[in-house]
Amino acid sequence: MSEYLQWRYLAALSALAVFNALAQPTSPTSHQSSAPAASATTTQASTTPYRSAFENYQPFAEEKVLPWKEANDTVGAIGGWRAYAKEASEEAGTPQASPAGSVDPAAGRVKP
């Protein structure tokens, strides 16, 4: 091992030693004072009933997929993307702007 790598290795070990020393508690009394608080939380947690995260799990069920031509015809019969946009804006509670060119798309823009 080259001398350069040895010095880097020693520097890394000393840095780890410093970080390890800083991570240790500063006095034994600080460690003892946190023990009663930990036992109090353990007692409180044991009275809470266990509830699984998978309690209301529903397995994946594949839906029937329509052929793309039939799906496109359905969207066209409904009114296209504007019908879906109107439906979404009504759910959000915002008023729907007129879809046809009554609004200037360049409004608010400044020419350079």
Protein backbone atom coordinates (compact mmCIF):
# COMPACT_ATOMS: atom_id res chain seq x y z
CA MET A 1 0.00 0.00 0.00
CA SER A 2 1.40 3.37 -0.89
CA GLU A 3 2.21 5.92 1.77
CA TYR A 4 -0.49 8.24 0.40
CA LEU A 5 -3.18 5.57 0.78
CA GLN A 6 -1.98 4.75 4.29
CA TRP A 7 -2.39 8.38 5.35
CA ARG A 8 -5.88 8.55 3.81
CA TYR A 9 -6.84 5.32 5.57
CA LEU A 10 -5.61 6.69 8.92
CA ALA A 11 -7.43 9.97 8.35
CA ALA A 12 -10.66 8.12 7.61
CA LEU A 13 -10.27 5.97 10.73
CA SER A 14 -9.64 9.00 12.92
CA ALA A 15 -12.68 10.76 11.48
CA LEU A 16 -14.80 7.70 12.26
CA ALA A 17 -13.46 7.66 15.80
CA VAL A 18 -14.40 11.31 16.27
CA PHE A 19 -17.92 10.78 14.89
CA ASN A 20 -18.36 7.70 17.09
CA ALA A 21 -17.26 9.66 20.16
CA LEU A 22 -19.73 12.44 19.35
CA ALA A 23 -22.55 9.95 18.94
CA GLN A 24 -22.08 8.56 22.46
CA PRO A 25 -24.05 10.02 25.38
CA THR A 26 -22.14 12.69 27.28
CA SER A 27 -22.91 11.47 30.80
CA PRO A 28 -24.38 8.33 32.35
CA THR A 29 -27.13 10.38 34.04
CA SER A 30 -28.57 11.49 30.69
CA HIS A 31 -28.89 7.85 29.66
CA GLN A 32 -30.57 6.92 32.95
CA SER A 33 -33.06 9.77 32.78
CA SER A 34 -34.39 8.60 29.41
CA ALA A 35 -35.11 5.05 30.67
CA PRO A 36 -38.30 5.88 32.67
CA ALA A 37 -39.73 7.79 29.72
CA ALA A 38 -39.15 4.78 27.49
CA SER A 39 -40.93 2.44 29.90
CA ALA A 40 -43.90 4.84 30.10
CA THR A 41 -44.31 4.82 26.32
CA THR A 42 -44.04 1.03 26.25
CA THR A 43 -46.87 0.72 28.77
CA GLN A 44 -49.02 3.16 26.82
CA ALA A 45 -48.38 1.38 23.51
CA SER A 46 -49.31 -2.02 24.94
CA THR A 47 -52.84 -0.81 25.76
CA THR A 48 -53.49 0.16 22.14
CA PRO A 49 -55.15 -2.67 20.16
CA TYR A 50 -53.28 -4.09 17.19
CA ARG A 51 -54.70 -3.16 13.80
CA SER A 52 -53.26 -4.71 10.67
CA ALA A 53 -52.47 -2.56 7.64
CA PHE A 54 -53.95 -5.31 5.48
CA GLU A 55 -57.27 -5.36 7.32
CA ASN A 56 -59.31 -3.93 4.42
CA TYR A 57 -57.09 -5.26 1.64
CA GLN A 58 -58.84 -6.04 -1.62
CA PRO A 59 -56.87 -8.09 -4.13
CA PHE A 60 -56.36 -6.78 -7.64
CA ALA A 61 -59.21 -7.60 -10.00
CA GLU A 62 -58.57 -7.14 -13.68
CA GLU A 63 -61.20 -5.09 -15.49
CA LYS A 64 -62.42 -5.90 -18.96
CA VAL A 65 -60.69 -3.66 -21.49
CA LEU A 66 -62.73 -2.31 -24.40
CA PRO A 67 -61.33 -2.35 -27.91
CA TRP A 68 -59.84 1.05 -28.72
CA LYS A 69 -62.30 1.80 -31.52
CA GLU A 70 -65.26 1.21 -29.23
CA ALA A 71 -63.66 3.38 -26.52
CA ASN A 72 -63.06 6.20 -29.02
CA ASP A 73 -66.66 5.99 -30.25
CA THR A 74 -67.91 6.19 -26.66
CA VAL A 75 -65.81 9.28 -25.97
CA GLY A 76 -67.07 10.88 -29.20
CA ALA A 77 -70.70 10.15 -28.29
CA ILE A 78 -70.23 11.68 -24.84
CA GLY A 79 -68.80 14.90 -26.29
CA GLY A 80 -65.07 14.32 -26.44
CA TRP A 81 -62.47 15.80 -24.14
CA ARG A 82 -64.59 18.89 -23.46
CA ALA A 83 -67.23 16.77 -21.70
CA TYR A 84 -64.57 15.25 -19.47
CA ALA A 85 -63.06 18.69 -18.76
CA LYS A 86 -66.49 20.08 -17.86
CA GLU A 87 -67.16 17.11 -15.58
CA ALA A 88 -63.81 17.57 -13.83
CA SER A 89 -64.35 21.31 -13.33
CA GLU A 90 -67.83 20.73 -11.89
CA GLU A 91 -66.37 18.25 -9.40
CA ALA A 92 -63.72 20.81 -8.41
CA GLY A 93 -66.36 23.52 -8.03
CA THR A 94 -64.72 25.94 -10.43
CA PRO A 95 -66.72 27.64 -13.18
CA GLN A 96 -66.07 26.33 -16.68
CA ALA A 97 -64.71 28.78 -19.25
CA SER A 98 -66.16 28.60 -22.73
CA PRO A 99 -64.17 26.07 -24.79
CA ALA A 100 -64.54 27.88 -28.13
CA GLY A 101 -62.16 30.71 -29.09
CA SER A 102 -63.87 33.46 -27.01
CA VAL A 103 -60.83 33.62 -24.72
CA ASP A 104 -57.63 35.01 -26.20
CA PRO A 105 -54.92 32.34 -25.69
CA ALA A 106 -52.23 35.05 -25.76
CA ALA A 107 -53.88 37.18 -23.07
CA GLY A 108 -51.40 38.32 -20.45
CA ARG A 109 -48.36 37.68 -22.63
CA VAL A 110 -46.06 40.49 -23.63
CA LYS A 111 -44.30 40.53 -26.97
CA PRO A 112 -40.53 40.80 -26.66
